[in-house]
Amino acid sequence: MKNTVLIALAILVIGIGGFFVLSNVQDQKEEAQETPAKNEGQEGKGTISKVDGESIYKNTCAGCHGDQYQGGVGPSLKGVGSRLSDKEIEDIIQHGRGGMPSGLVSKEDAPAMAAWLKTLK
């Protein structure tokens, strides 16, 4: 009898834990589906939102260029928009320069990243 109660209790605890885990997964899926809708209407305009550029920067570039664009291993990016054209920035993003390797930002994201960097004056 005591074993049966323990088994039932274990099943109950596992079931409740599973419920919370699965409901959290569902919440994350719903949030991921809602996120693109926030940027709806911006596509096809030839621009990138500040959030996207910053996100790419934080994930790919900040380690070398600094969290405030101040430089570090790589040069400062402050004012890069006034020093270089969109095309020059895009070329550096795609092919690297000096110690910067190529291919850190996808070819598809490079033009939008260059446009965002151009705003850093």
PDB file of N, CA and C in Angstrom:
ATOM      1  N   MET A   1       0.816  -1.190   0.000  1.00  0.00           N
ATOM      2  CA  MET A   1       0.000   0.000   0.000  1.00  0.00           C
ATOM      3  C   MET A   1       0.865   1.261   0.000  1.00  0.00           C
ATOM      4  N   LYS A   2       1.903   1.236   0.829  1.00  0.00           N
ATOM      5  CA  LYS A   2       2.778   2.394   0.933  1.00  0.00           C
ATOM      6  C   LYS A   2       3.489   2.644  -0.402  1.00  0.00           C
ATOM      7  N   ASN A   3       3.907   1.588  -1.102  1.00  0.00           N
ATOM      8  CA  ASN A   3       4.555   1.729  -2.399  1.00  0.00           C
ATOM      9  C   ASN A   3       3.607   2.315  -3.432  1.00  0.00           C
ATOM     10  N   THR A   4       2.375   1.946  -3.385  1.00  0.00           N
ATOM     11  CA  THR A   4       1.390   2.451  -4.329  1.00  0.00           C
ATOM     12  C   THR A   4       1.193   3.950  -4.141  1.00  0.00           C
ATOM     13  N   VAL A   5       1.147   4.397  -2.921  1.00  0.00           N
ATOM     14  CA  VAL A   5       0.990   5.815  -2.628  1.00  0.00           C
ATOM     15  C   VAL A   5       2.219   6.590  -3.116  1.00  0.00           C
ATOM     16  N   LEU A   6       3.413   6.057  -2.896  1.00  0.00           N
ATOM     17  CA  LEU A   6       4.637   6.709  -3.341  1.00  0.00           C
ATOM     18  C   LEU A   6       4.686   6.795  -4.867  1.00  0.00           C
ATOM     19  N   ILE A   7       4.281   5.741  -5.533  1.00  0.00           N
ATOM     20  CA  ILE A   7       4.258   5.741  -6.999  1.00  0.00           C
ATOM     21  C   ILE A   7       3.263   6.774  -7.509  1.00  0.00           C
ATOM     22  N   ALA A   8       2.092   6.810  -6.916  1.00  0.00           N
ATOM     23  CA  ALA A   8       1.077   7.786  -7.323  1.00  0.00           C
ATOM     24  C   ALA A   8       1.570   9.210  -7.076  1.00  0.00           C
ATOM     25  N   LEU A   9       2.233   9.442  -5.962  1.00  0.00           N
ATOM     26  CA  LEU A   9       2.771  10.752  -5.648  1.00  0.00           C
ATOM     27  C   LEU A   9       3.867  11.145  -6.641  1.00  0.00           C
ATOM     28  N   ALA A  10       4.729  10.204  -6.992  1.00  0.00           N
ATOM     29  CA  ALA A  10       5.791  10.465  -7.967  1.00  0.00           C
ATOM     30  C   ALA A  10       5.202  10.817  -9.324  1.00  0.00           C
ATOM     31  N   ILE A  11       4.175  10.094  -9.746  1.00  0.00           N
ATOM     32  CA  ILE A  11       3.522  10.376 -11.023  1.00  0.00           C
ATOM     33  C   ILE A  11       2.885  11.760 -10.993  1.00  0.00           C
ATOM     34  N   LEU A  12       2.278  12.114  -9.897  1.00  0.00           N
ATOM     35  CA  LEU A  12       1.663  13.434  -9.751  1.00  0.00           C
ATOM     36  C   LEU A  12       2.712  14.546  -9.852  1.00  0.00           C
ATOM     37  N   VAL A  13       3.839  14.383  -9.160  1.00  0.00           N
ATOM     38  CA  VAL A  13       4.904  15.397  -9.187  1.00  0.00           C
ATOM     39  C   VAL A  13       5.482  15.514 -10.596  1.00  0.00           C
ATOM     40  N   ILE A  14       5.730  14.400 -11.249  1.00  0.00           N
ATOM     41  CA  ILE A  14       6.264  14.419 -12.613  1.00  0.00           C
ATOM     42  C   ILE A  14       5.259  15.068 -13.567  1.00  0.00           C
ATOM     43  N   GLY A  15       4.002  14.765 -13.400  1.00  0.00           N
ATOM     44  CA  GLY A  15       2.970  15.348 -14.254  1.00  0.00           C
ATOM     45  C   GLY A  15       2.874  16.855 -14.098  1.00  0.00           C
ATOM     46  N   ILE A  16       2.900  17.318 -12.862  1.00  0.00           N
ATOM     47  CA  ILE A  16       2.827  18.766 -12.623  1.00  0.00           C
ATOM     48  C   ILE A  16       4.073  19.451 -13.178  1.00  0.00           C
ATOM     49  N   GLY A  17       5.244  18.871 -12.948  1.00  0.00           N
ATOM     50  CA  GLY A  17       6.486  19.430 -13.486  1.00  0.00           C
ATOM     51  C   GLY A  17       6.459  19.469 -15.002  1.00  0.00           C
ATOM     52  N   GLY A  18       5.988  18.407 -15.622  1.00  0.00           N
ATOM     53  CA  GLY A  18       5.882  18.354 -17.079  1.00  0.00           C
ATOM     54  C   GLY A  18       4.938  19.409 -17.611  1.00  0.00           C
ATOM     55  N   PHE A  19       3.851  19.640 -16.906  1.00  0.00           N
ATOM     56  CA  PHE A  19       2.900  20.667 -17.312  1.00  0.00           C
ATOM     57  C   PHE A  19       3.561  22.042 -17.371  1.00  0.00           C
ATOM     58  N   PHE A  20       4.318  22.387 -16.324  1.00  0.00           N
ATOM     59  CA  PHE A  20       4.981  23.691 -16.299  1.00  0.00           C
ATOM     60  C   PHE A  20       6.045  23.810 -17.379  1.00  0.00           C
ATOM     61  N   VAL A  21       6.796  22.756 -17.613  1.00  0.00           N
ATOM     62  CA  VAL A  21       7.826  22.783 -18.653  1.00  0.00           C
ATOM     63  C   VAL A  21       7.182  22.978 -20.017  1.00  0.00           C
ATOM     64  N   LEU A  22       6.151  22.207 -20.308  1.00  0.00           N
ATOM     65  CA  LEU A  22       5.493  22.306 -21.610  1.00  0.00           C
ATOM     66  C   LEU A  22       4.778  23.639 -21.801  1.00  0.00           C
ATOM     67  N   SER A  23       4.204  24.187 -20.762  1.00  0.00           N
ATOM     68  CA  SER A  23       3.534  25.485 -20.908  1.00  0.00           C
ATOM     69  C   SER A  23       4.554  26.587 -21.163  1.00  0.00           C
ATOM     70  N   ASN A  24       5.744  26.487 -20.588  1.00  0.00           N
ATOM     71  CA  ASN A  24       6.800  27.464 -20.846  1.00  0.00           C
ATOM     72  C   ASN A  24       7.275  27.371 -22.294  1.00  0.00           C
ATOM     73  N   VAL A  25       7.402  26.171 -22.820  1.00  0.00           N
ATOM     74  CA  VAL A  25       7.799  25.982 -24.218  1.00  0.00           C
ATOM     75  C   VAL A  25       6.763  26.609 -25.137  1.00  0.00           C
ATOM     76  N   GLN A  26       5.497  26.415 -24.845  1.00  0.00           N
ATOM     77  CA  GLN A  26       4.431  26.988 -25.658  1.00  0.00           C
ATOM     78  C   GLN A  26       4.473  28.512 -25.614  1.00  0.00           C
ATOM     79  N   ASP A  27       4.730  29.097 -24.436  1.00  0.00           N
ATOM     80  CA  ASP A  27       4.841  30.548 -24.315  1.00  0.00           C
ATOM     81  C   ASP A  27       5.985  31.081 -25.168  1.00  0.00           C
ATOM     82  N   GLN A  28       7.114  30.376 -25.175  1.00  0.00           N
ATOM     83  CA  GLN A  28       8.260  30.802 -25.973  1.00  0.00           C
ATOM     84  C   GLN A  28       7.939  30.730 -27.466  1.00  0.00           C
ATOM     85  N   LYS A  29       7.217  29.697 -27.885  1.00  0.00           N
ATOM     86  CA  LYS A  29       6.836  29.582 -29.292  1.00  0.00           C
ATOM     87  C   LYS A  29       5.909  30.726 -29.692  1.00  0.00           C
ATOM     88  N   GLU A  30       4.949  31.051 -28.842  1.00  0.00           N
ATOM     89  CA  GLU A  30       4.021  32.136 -29.137  1.00  0.00           C
ATOM     90  C   GLU A  30       4.754  33.473 -29.200  1.00  0.00           C
ATOM     91  N   GLU A  31       5.708  33.692 -28.302  1.00  0.00           N
ATOM     92  CA  GLU A  31       6.476  34.942 -28.311  1.00  0.00           C
ATOM     93  C   GLU A  31       7.306  35.045 -29.585  1.00  0.00           C
ATOM     94  N   ALA A  32       7.887  33.952 -30.019  1.00  0.00           N
ATOM     95  CA  ALA A  32       8.690  33.952 -31.244  1.00  0.00           C
ATOM     96  C   ALA A  32       7.826  34.253 -32.460  1.00  0.00           C
ATOM     97  N   GLN A  33       6.594  33.771 -32.456  1.00  0.00           N
ATOM     98  CA  GLN A  33       5.704  34.021 -33.578  1.00  0.00           C
ATOM     99  C   GLN A  33       5.223  35.470 -33.593  1.00  0.00           C
ATOM    100  N   GLU A  34       5.110  36.100 -32.428  1.00  0.00           N
ATOM    101  CA  GLU A  34       4.643  37.478 -32.350  1.00  0.00           C
ATOM    102  C   GLU A  34       5.733  38.475 -32.716  1.00  0.00           C
ATOM    103  N   THR A  35       6.995  38.156 -32.496  1.00  0.00           N
ATOM    104  CA  THR A  35       8.098  39.089 -32.697  1.00  0.00           C
ATOM    105  C   THR A  35       8.164  39.655 -34.109  1.00  0.00           C
ATOM    106  N   PRO A  36       8.063  38.844 -35.195  1.00  0.00           N
ATOM    107  CA  PRO A  36       8.131  39.439 -36.530  1.00  0.00           C
ATOM    108  C   PRO A  36       7.027  40.458 -36.793  1.00  0.00           C
ATOM    109  N   ALA A  37       5.883  40.285 -36.174  1.00  0.00           N
ATOM    110  CA  ALA A  37       4.769  41.198 -36.403  1.00  0.00           C
ATOM    111  C   ALA A  37       5.089  42.605 -35.908  1.00  0.00           C
ATOM    112  N   LYS A  38       5.987  42.722 -34.931  1.00  0.00           N
ATOM    113  CA  LYS A  38       6.342  44.035 -34.415  1.00  0.00           C
ATOM    114  C   LYS A  38       7.085  44.850 -35.463  1.00  0.00           C
ATOM    115  N   ASN A  39       7.802  44.182 -36.355  1.00  0.00           N
ATOM    116  CA  ASN A  39       8.571  44.877 -37.385  1.00  0.00           C
ATOM    117  C   ASN A  39       7.858  44.890 -38.733  1.00  0.00           C
ATOM    118  N   GLU A  40       6.620  44.449 -38.753  1.00  0.00           N
ATOM    119  CA  GLU A  40       5.867  44.359 -39.991  1.00  0.00           C
ATOM    120  C   GLU A  40       5.742  45.734 -40.638  1.00  0.00           C
ATOM    121  N   GLY A  41       5.839  45.782 -41.933  1.00  0.00           N
ATOM    122  CA  GLY A  41       5.710  47.033 -42.648  1.00  0.00           C
ATOM    123  C   GLY A  41       7.039  47.712 -42.895  1.00  0.00           C
ATOM    124  N   GLN A  42       8.125  47.199 -42.305  1.00  0.00           N
ATOM    125  CA  GLN A  42       9.434  47.800 -42.500  1.00  0.00           C
ATOM    126  C   GLN A  42      10.192  47.133 -43.626  1.00  0.00           C
ATOM    127  N   GLU A  43       9.777  45.936 -44.011  1.00  0.00           N
ATOM    128  CA  GLU A  43      10.483  45.215 -45.055  1.00  0.00           C
ATOM    129  C   GLU A  43      10.287  45.889 -46.404  1.00  0.00           C
ATOM    130  N   GLY A  44      11.292  45.790 -47.233  1.00  0.00           N
ATOM    131  CA  GLY A  44      11.195  46.313 -48.581  1.00  0.00           C
ATOM    132  C   GLY A  44      11.454  47.803 -48.681  1.00  0.00           C
ATOM    133  N   LYS A  45      11.782  48.446 -47.575  1.00  0.00           N
ATOM    134  CA  LYS A  45      12.037  49.881 -47.605  1.00  0.00           C
ATOM    135  C   LYS A  45      13.518  50.191 -47.736  1.00  0.00           C
ATOM    136  N   GLY A  46      14.370  49.144 -47.761  1.00  0.00           N
ATOM    137  CA  GLY A  46      15.801  49.355 -47.911  1.00  0.00           C
ATOM    138  C   GLY A  46      16.481  49.847 -46.647  1.00  0.00           C
ATOM    139  N   THR A  47      15.811  49.701 -45.503  1.00  0.00           N
ATOM    140  CA  THR A  47      16.404  50.129 -44.249  1.00  0.00           C
ATOM    141  C   THR A  47      16.325  49.001 -43.244  1.00  0.00           C
ATOM    142  N   ILE A  48      17.022  49.172 -42.160  1.00  0.00           N
ATOM    143  CA  ILE A  48      16.976  48.211 -41.069  1.00  0.00           C
ATOM    144  C   ILE A  48      16.608  48.971 -39.809  1.00  0.00           C
ATOM    145  N   SER A  49      15.857  48.348 -38.944  1.00  0.00           N
ATOM    146  CA  SER A  49      15.515  49.017 -37.708  1.00  0.00           C
ATOM    147  C   SER A  49      16.738  49.051 -36.806  1.00  0.00           C
ATOM    148  N   LYS A  50      16.791  50.035 -35.936  1.00  0.00           N
ATOM    149  CA  LYS A  50      17.915  50.180 -35.024  1.00  0.00           C
ATOM    150  C   LYS A  50      18.078  48.922 -34.180  1.00  0.00           C
ATOM    151  N   VAL A  51      16.991  48.313 -33.782  1.00  0.00           N
ATOM    152  CA  VAL A  51      17.041  47.119 -32.953  1.00  0.00           C
ATOM    153  C   VAL A  51      17.763  45.995 -33.684  1.00  0.00           C
ATOM    154  N   ASP A  52      17.480  45.788 -34.946  1.00  0.00           N
ATOM    155  CA  ASP A  52      18.138  44.725 -35.702  1.00  0.00           C
ATOM    156  C   ASP A  52      19.634  44.977 -35.836  1.00  0.00           C
ATOM    157  N   GLY A  53      20.023  46.180 -36.190  1.00  0.00           N
ATOM    158  CA  GLY A  53      21.440  46.508 -36.328  1.00  0.00           C
ATOM    159  C   GLY A  53      22.176  46.344 -35.013  1.00  0.00           C
ATOM    160  N   GLU A  54      21.586  46.818 -33.964  1.00  0.00           N
ATOM    161  CA  GLU A  54      22.202  46.676 -32.655  1.00  0.00           C
ATOM    162  C   GLU A  54      22.306  45.216 -32.249  1.00  0.00           C
ATOM    163  N   SER A  55      21.284  44.444 -32.562  1.00  0.00           N
ATOM    164  CA  SER A  55      21.299  43.023 -32.228  1.00  0.00           C
ATOM    165  C   SER A  55      22.434  42.305 -32.947  1.00  0.00           C
ATOM    166  N   ILE A  56      22.572  42.552 -34.231  1.00  0.00           N
ATOM    167  CA  ILE A  56      23.671  41.954 -34.994  1.00  0.00           C
ATOM    168  C   ILE A  56      25.000  42.417 -34.406  1.00  0.00           C
ATOM    169  N   TYR A  57      25.112  43.704 -34.117  1.00  0.00           N
ATOM    170  CA  TYR A  57      26.342  44.263 -33.568  1.00  0.00           C
ATOM    171  C   TYR A  57      26.698  43.586 -32.245  1.00  0.00           C
ATOM    172  N   LYS A  58      25.738  43.507 -31.334  1.00  0.00           N
ATOM    173  CA  LYS A  58      25.999  42.928 -30.011  1.00  0.00           C
ATOM    174  C   LYS A  58      26.424  41.466 -30.110  1.00  0.00           C
ATOM    175  N   ASN A  59      25.818  40.731 -31.029  1.00  0.00           N
ATOM    176  CA  ASN A  59      26.126  39.307 -31.164  1.00  0.00           C
ATOM    177  C   ASN A  59      27.399  39.020 -31.940  1.00  0.00           C
ATOM    178  N   THR A  60      27.808  39.925 -32.810  1.00  0.00           N
ATOM    179  CA  THR A  60      28.891  39.619 -33.741  1.00  0.00           C
ATOM    180  C   THR A  60      30.089  40.552 -33.625  1.00  0.00           C
ATOM    181  N   CYS A  61      29.876  41.799 -33.312  1.00  0.00           N
ATOM    182  CA  CYS A  61      30.926  42.818 -33.474  1.00  0.00           C
ATOM    183  C   CYS A  61      31.444  43.404 -32.162  1.00  0.00           C
ATOM    184  N   ALA A  62      30.597  43.459 -31.144  1.00  0.00           N
ATOM    185  CA  ALA A  62      30.938  44.176 -29.913  1.00  0.00           C
ATOM    186  C   ALA A  62      32.171  43.608 -29.213  1.00  0.00           C
ATOM    187  N   GLY A  63      32.439  42.331 -29.380  1.00  0.00           N
ATOM    188  CA  GLY A  63      33.597  41.729 -28.738  1.00  0.00           C
ATOM    189  C   GLY A  63      34.906  42.393 -29.145  1.00  0.00           C
ATOM    190  N   CYS A  64      34.986  42.849 -30.367  1.00  0.00           N
ATOM    191  CA  CYS A  64      36.215  43.504 -30.864  1.00  0.00           C
ATOM    192  C   CYS A  64      36.094  45.020 -30.945  1.00  0.00           C
ATOM    193  N   HIS A  65      34.893  45.522 -31.260  1.00  0.00           N
ATOM    194  CA  HIS A  65      34.727  46.964 -31.467  1.00  0.00           C
ATOM    195  C   HIS A  65      34.173  47.682 -30.238  1.00  0.00           C
ATOM    196  N   GLY A  66      33.873  46.944 -29.179  1.00  0.00           N
ATOM    197  CA  GLY A  66      33.426  47.535 -27.922  1.00  0.00           C
ATOM    198  C   GLY A  66      31.931  47.682 -27.814  1.00  0.00           C
ATOM    199  N   ASP A  67      31.450  47.662 -26.579  1.00  0.00           N
ATOM    200  CA  ASP A  67      30.009  47.748 -26.341  1.00  0.00           C
ATOM    201  C   ASP A  67      29.443  49.126 -26.624  1.00  0.00           C
ATOM    202  N   GLN A  68      30.312  50.140 -26.710  1.00  0.00           N
ATOM    203  CA  GLN A  68      29.873  51.499 -27.039  1.00  0.00           C
ATOM    204  C   GLN A  68      30.526  51.982 -28.336  1.00  0.00           C
ATOM    205  N   TYR A  69      30.940  51.042 -29.174  1.00  0.00           N
ATOM    206  CA  TYR A  69      31.569  51.321 -30.478  1.00  0.00           C
ATOM    207  C   TYR A  69      32.938  51.988 -30.327  1.00  0.00           C
ATOM    208  N   GLN A  70      33.501  51.952 -29.118  1.00  0.00           N
ATOM    209  CA  GLN A  70      34.718  52.690 -28.813  1.00  0.00           C
ATOM    210  C   GLN A  70      35.994  52.023 -29.315  1.00  0.00           C
ATOM    211  N   GLY A  71      35.907  50.809 -29.780  1.00  0.00           N
ATOM    212  CA  GLY A  71      37.103  50.107 -30.226  1.00  0.00           C
ATOM    213  C   GLY A  71      37.662  49.243 -29.119  1.00  0.00           C
ATOM    214  N   GLY A  72      38.621  48.467 -29.460  1.00  0.00           N
ATOM    215  CA  GLY A  72      39.270  47.534 -28.539  1.00  0.00           C
ATOM    216  C   GLY A  72      40.291  46.789 -29.367  1.00  0.00           C
ATOM    217  N   VAL A  73      40.025  45.528 -29.647  1.00  0.00           N
ATOM    218  CA  VAL A  73      40.847  44.763 -30.584  1.00  0.00           C
ATOM    219  C   VAL A  73      40.691  45.364 -31.983  1.00  0.00           C
ATOM    220  N   GLY A  74      39.466  45.706 -32.334  1.00  0.00           N
ATOM    221  CA  GLY A  74      39.169  46.370 -33.605  1.00  0.00           C
ATOM    222  C   GLY A  74      39.085  47.872 -33.391  1.00  0.00           C
ATOM    223  N   PRO A  75      39.060  48.643 -34.469  1.00  0.00           N
ATOM    224  CA  PRO A  75      39.017  50.108 -34.339  1.00  0.00           C
ATOM    225  C   PRO A  75      37.663  50.608 -33.851  1.00  0.00           C
ATOM    226  N   SER A  76      37.645  51.841 -33.395  1.00  0.00           N
ATOM    227  CA  SER A  76      36.409  52.498 -32.995  1.00  0.00           C
ATOM    228  C   SER A  76      35.497  52.626 -34.217  1.00  0.00           C
ATOM    229  N   LEU A  77      34.215  52.450 -34.002  1.00  0.00           N
ATOM    230  CA  LEU A  77      33.249  52.624 -35.092  1.00  0.00           C
ATOM    231  C   LEU A  77      32.477  53.932 -34.946  1.00  0.00           C
ATOM    232  N   LYS A  78      32.816  54.715 -33.943  1.00  0.00           N
ATOM    233  CA  LYS A  78      32.173  56.020 -33.779  1.00  0.00           C
ATOM    234  C   LYS A  78      32.520  56.875 -34.993  1.00  0.00           C
ATOM    235  N   GLY A  79      31.528  57.403 -35.638  1.00  0.00           N
ATOM    236  CA  GLY A  79      31.735  58.257 -36.798  1.00  0.00           C
ATOM    237  C   GLY A  79      32.035  57.522 -38.091  1.00  0.00           C
ATOM    238  N   VAL A  80      31.922  56.198 -38.086  1.00  0.00           N
ATOM    239  CA  VAL A  80      32.233  55.434 -39.301  1.00  0.00           C
ATOM    240  C   VAL A  80      31.327  55.858 -40.455  1.00  0.00           C
ATOM    241  N   GLY A  81      30.118  56.272 -40.154  1.00  0.00           N
ATOM    242  CA  GLY A  81      29.186  56.707 -41.187  1.00  0.00           C
ATOM    243  C   GLY A  81      29.612  57.969 -41.897  1.00  0.00           C
ATOM    244  N   SER A  82      30.395  58.805 -41.244  1.00  0.00           N
ATOM    245  CA  SER A  82      30.870  60.025 -41.889  1.00  0.00           C
ATOM    246  C   SER A  82      32.224  59.812 -42.584  1.00  0.00           C
ATOM    247  N   ARG A  83      32.902  58.715 -42.262  1.00  0.00           N
ATOM    248  CA  ARG A  83      34.209  58.437 -42.871  1.00  0.00           C
ATOM    249  C   ARG A  83      34.132  57.540 -44.104  1.00  0.00           C
ATOM    250  N   LEU A  84      33.160  56.642 -44.112  1.00  0.00           N
ATOM    251  CA  LEU A  84      33.071  55.645 -45.183  1.00  0.00           C
ATOM    252  C   LEU A  84      31.675  55.646 -45.805  1.00  0.00           C
ATOM    253  N   SER A  85      31.602  55.254 -47.065  1.00  0.00           N
ATOM    254  CA  SER A  85      30.306  55.137 -47.745  1.00  0.00           C
ATOM    255  C   SER A  85      29.637  53.821 -47.342  1.00  0.00           C
ATOM    256  N   ASP A  86      28.355  53.707 -47.660  1.00  0.00           N
ATOM    257  CA  ASP A  86      27.636  52.456 -47.404  1.00  0.00           C
ATOM    258  C   ASP A  86      28.355  51.289 -48.059  1.00  0.00           C
ATOM    259  N   LYS A  87      28.766  51.475 -49.297  1.00  0.00           N
ATOM    260  CA  LYS A  87      29.414  50.416 -50.059  1.00  0.00           C
ATOM    261  C   LYS A  87      30.738  49.998 -49.416  1.00  0.00           C
ATOM    262  N   GLU A  88      31.520  50.982 -48.949  1.00  0.00           N
ATOM    263  CA  GLU A  88      32.799  50.673 -48.290  1.00  0.00           C
ATOM    264  C   GLU A  88      32.565  49.902 -46.995  1.00  0.00           C
ATOM    265  N   ILE A  89      31.581  50.331 -46.216  1.00  0.00           N
ATOM    266  CA  ILE A  89      31.256  49.643 -44.970  1.00  0.00           C
ATOM    267  C   ILE A  89      30.801  48.216 -45.270  1.00  0.00           C
ATOM    268  N   GLU A  90      29.933  48.069 -46.258  1.00  0.00           N
ATOM    269  CA  GLU A  90      29.439  46.739 -46.639  1.00  0.00           C
ATOM    270  C   GLU A  90      30.590  45.833 -47.080  1.00  0.00           C
ATOM    271  N   ASP A  91      31.529  46.384 -47.842  1.00  0.00           N
ATOM    272  CA  ASP A  91      32.672  45.605 -48.301  1.00  0.00           C
ATOM    273  C   ASP A  91      33.515  45.109 -47.123  1.00  0.00           C
ATOM    274  N   ILE A  92      33.740  45.982 -46.148  1.00  0.00           N
ATOM    275  CA  ILE A  92      34.508  45.586 -44.966  1.00  0.00           C
ATOM    276  C   ILE A  92      33.758  44.525 -44.170  1.00  0.00           C
ATOM    277  N   ILE A  93      32.452  44.686 -44.028  1.00  0.00           N
ATOM    278  CA  ILE A  93      31.643  43.708 -43.301  1.00  0.00           C
ATOM    279  C   ILE A  93      31.759  42.333 -43.963  1.00  0.00           C
ATOM    280  N   GLN A  94      31.680  42.294 -45.285  1.00  0.00           N
ATOM    281  CA  GLN A  94      31.692  41.015 -45.995  1.00  0.00           C
ATOM    282  C   GLN A  94      33.088  40.406 -46.118  1.00  0.00           C
ATOM    283  N   HIS A  95      34.110  41.239 -46.355  1.00  0.00           N
ATOM    284  CA  HIS A  95      35.433  40.706 -46.679  1.00  0.00           C
ATOM    285  C   HIS A  95      36.474  40.908 -45.587  1.00  0.00           C
ATOM    286  N   GLY A  96      36.129  41.642 -44.540  1.00  0.00           N
ATOM    287  CA  GLY A  96      37.077  41.900 -43.477  1.00  0.00           C
ATOM    288  C   GLY A  96      38.080  42.967 -43.868  1.00  0.00           C
ATOM    289  N   ARG A  97      38.924  43.304 -42.917  1.00  0.00           N
ATOM    290  CA  ARG A  97      39.961  44.315 -43.172  1.00  0.00           C
ATOM    291  C   ARG A  97      40.954  44.234 -42.020  1.00  0.00           C
ATOM    292  N   GLY A  98      42.227  44.301 -42.326  1.00  0.00           N
ATOM    293  CA  GLY A  98      43.237  44.188 -41.272  1.00  0.00           C
ATOM    294  C   GLY A  98      43.098  42.839 -40.578  1.00  0.00           C
ATOM    295  N   GLY A  99      42.903  42.850 -39.279  1.00  0.00           N
ATOM    296  CA  GLY A  99      42.738  41.613 -38.520  1.00  0.00           C
ATOM    297  C   GLY A  99      41.317  41.093 -38.473  1.00  0.00           C
ATOM    298  N   MET A 100      40.390  41.818 -39.094  1.00  0.00           N
ATOM    299  CA  MET A 100      38.987  41.392 -39.081  1.00  0.00           C
ATOM    300  C   MET A 100      38.756  40.319 -40.134  1.00  0.00           C
ATOM    301  N   PRO A 101      38.245  39.160 -39.707  1.00  0.00           N
ATOM    302  CA  PRO A 101      37.978  38.103 -40.685  1.00  0.00           C
ATOM    303  C   PRO A 101      36.720  38.392 -41.502  1.00  0.00           C
ATOM    304  N   SER A 102      36.616  37.760 -42.635  1.00  0.00           N
ATOM    305  CA  SER A 102      35.417  37.906 -43.468  1.00  0.00           C
ATOM    306  C   SER A 102      34.326  36.965 -42.964  1.00  0.00           C
ATOM    307  N   GLY A 103      33.116  37.237 -43.401  1.00  0.00           N
ATOM    308  CA  GLY A 103      32.005  36.329 -43.145  1.00  0.00           C
ATOM    309  C   GLY A 103      31.412  36.364 -41.751  1.00  0.00           C
ATOM    310  N   LEU A 104      31.696  37.383 -40.958  1.00  0.00           N
ATOM    311  CA  LEU A 104      31.115  37.449 -39.617  1.00  0.00           C
ATOM    312  C   LEU A 104      29.625  37.783 -39.662  1.00  0.00           C
ATOM    313  N   VAL A 105      29.222  38.518 -40.679  1.00  0.00           N
ATOM    314  CA  VAL A 105      27.815  38.857 -40.904  1.00  0.00           C
ATOM    315  C   VAL A 105      27.444  38.245 -42.248  1.00  0.00           C
ATOM    316  N   SER A 106      26.286  37.631 -42.320  1.00  0.00           N
ATOM    317  CA  SER A 106      25.878  36.960 -43.558  1.00  0.00           C
ATOM    318  C   SER A 106      25.795  37.957 -44.715  1.00  0.00           C
ATOM    319  N   LYS A 107      25.948  37.445 -45.907  1.00  0.00           N
ATOM    320  CA  LYS A 107      25.879  38.287 -47.108  1.00  0.00           C
ATOM    321  C   LYS A 107      24.520  38.983 -47.194  1.00  0.00           C
ATOM    322  N   GLU A 108      23.478  38.303 -46.751  1.00  0.00           N
ATOM    323  CA  GLU A 108      22.132  38.863 -46.790  1.00  0.00           C
ATOM    324  C   GLU A 108      21.971  40.012 -45.797  1.00  0.00           C
ATOM    325  N   ASP A 109      22.642  39.912 -44.645  1.00  0.00           N
ATOM    326  CA  ASP A 109      22.514  40.943 -43.612  1.00  0.00           C
ATOM    327  C   ASP A 109      23.499  42.091 -43.781  1.00  0.00           C
ATOM    328  N   ALA A 110      24.537  41.898 -44.587  1.00  0.00           N
ATOM    329  CA  ALA A 110      25.595  42.910 -44.725  1.00  0.00           C
ATOM    330  C   ALA A 110      25.084  44.279 -45.197  1.00  0.00           C
ATOM    331  N   PRO A 111      24.223  44.364 -46.232  1.00  0.00           N
ATOM    332  CA  PRO A 111      23.746  45.697 -46.646  1.00  0.00           C
ATOM    333  C   PRO A 111      22.962  46.415 -45.551  1.00  0.00           C
ATOM    334  N   ALA A 112      22.122  45.689 -44.838  1.00  0.00           N
ATOM    335  CA  ALA A 112      21.344  46.301 -43.760  1.00  0.00           C
ATOM    336  C   ALA A 112      22.257  46.697 -42.604  1.00  0.00           C
ATOM    337  N   MET A 113      23.245  45.871 -42.311  1.00  0.00           N
ATOM    338  CA  MET A 113      24.188  46.200 -41.244  1.00  0.00           C
ATOM    339  C   MET A 113      24.988  47.444 -41.623  1.00  0.00           C
ATOM    340  N   ALA A 114      25.406  47.544 -42.877  1.00  0.00           N
ATOM    341  CA  ALA A 114      26.138  48.728 -43.347  1.00  0.00           C
ATOM    342  C   ALA A 114      25.274  49.980 -43.217  1.00  0.00           C
ATOM    343  N   ALA A 115      24.007  49.884 -43.575  1.00  0.00           N
ATOM    344  CA  ALA A 115      23.098  51.030 -43.464  1.00  0.00           C
ATOM    345  C   ALA A 115      22.950  51.460 -42.012  1.00  0.00           C
ATOM    346  N   TRP A 116      22.866  50.487 -41.112  1.00  0.00           N
ATOM    347  CA  TRP A 116      22.760  50.820 -39.688  1.00  0.00           C
ATOM    348  C   TRP A 116      24.052  51.456 -39.188  1.00  0.00           C
ATOM    349  N   LEU A 117      25.203  50.875 -39.546  1.00  0.00           N
ATOM    350  CA  LEU A 117      26.480  51.441 -39.125  1.00  0.00           C
ATOM    351  C   LEU A 117      26.668  52.856 -39.657  1.00  0.00           C
ATOM    352  N   LYS A 118      26.117  53.117 -40.828  1.00  0.00           N
ATOM    353  CA  LYS A 118      26.227  54.451 -41.443  1.00  0.00           C
ATOM    354  C   LYS A 118      25.591  55.513 -40.547  1.00  0.00           C
ATOM    355  N   THR A 119      24.651  55.098 -39.703  1.00  0.00           N
ATOM    356  CA  THR A 119      23.992  56.054 -38.812  1.00  0.00           C
ATOM    357  C   THR A 119      24.863  56.401 -37.607  1.00  0.00           C
ATOM    358  N   LEU A 120      25.964  55.680 -37.386  1.00  0.00           N
ATOM    359  CA  LEU A 120      26.857  55.971 -36.250  1.00  0.00           C
ATOM    360  C   LEU A 120      27.772  57.125 -36.638  1.00  0.00           C
ATOM    361  N   LYS A 121      27.366  58.320 -36.340  1.00  0.00           N
ATOM    362  CA  LYS A 121      28.151  59.497 -36.733  1.00  0.00           C
ATOM    363  C   LYS A 121      28.828  60.118 -35.559  1.00  0.00           C
TER     364      LYS A 121
END
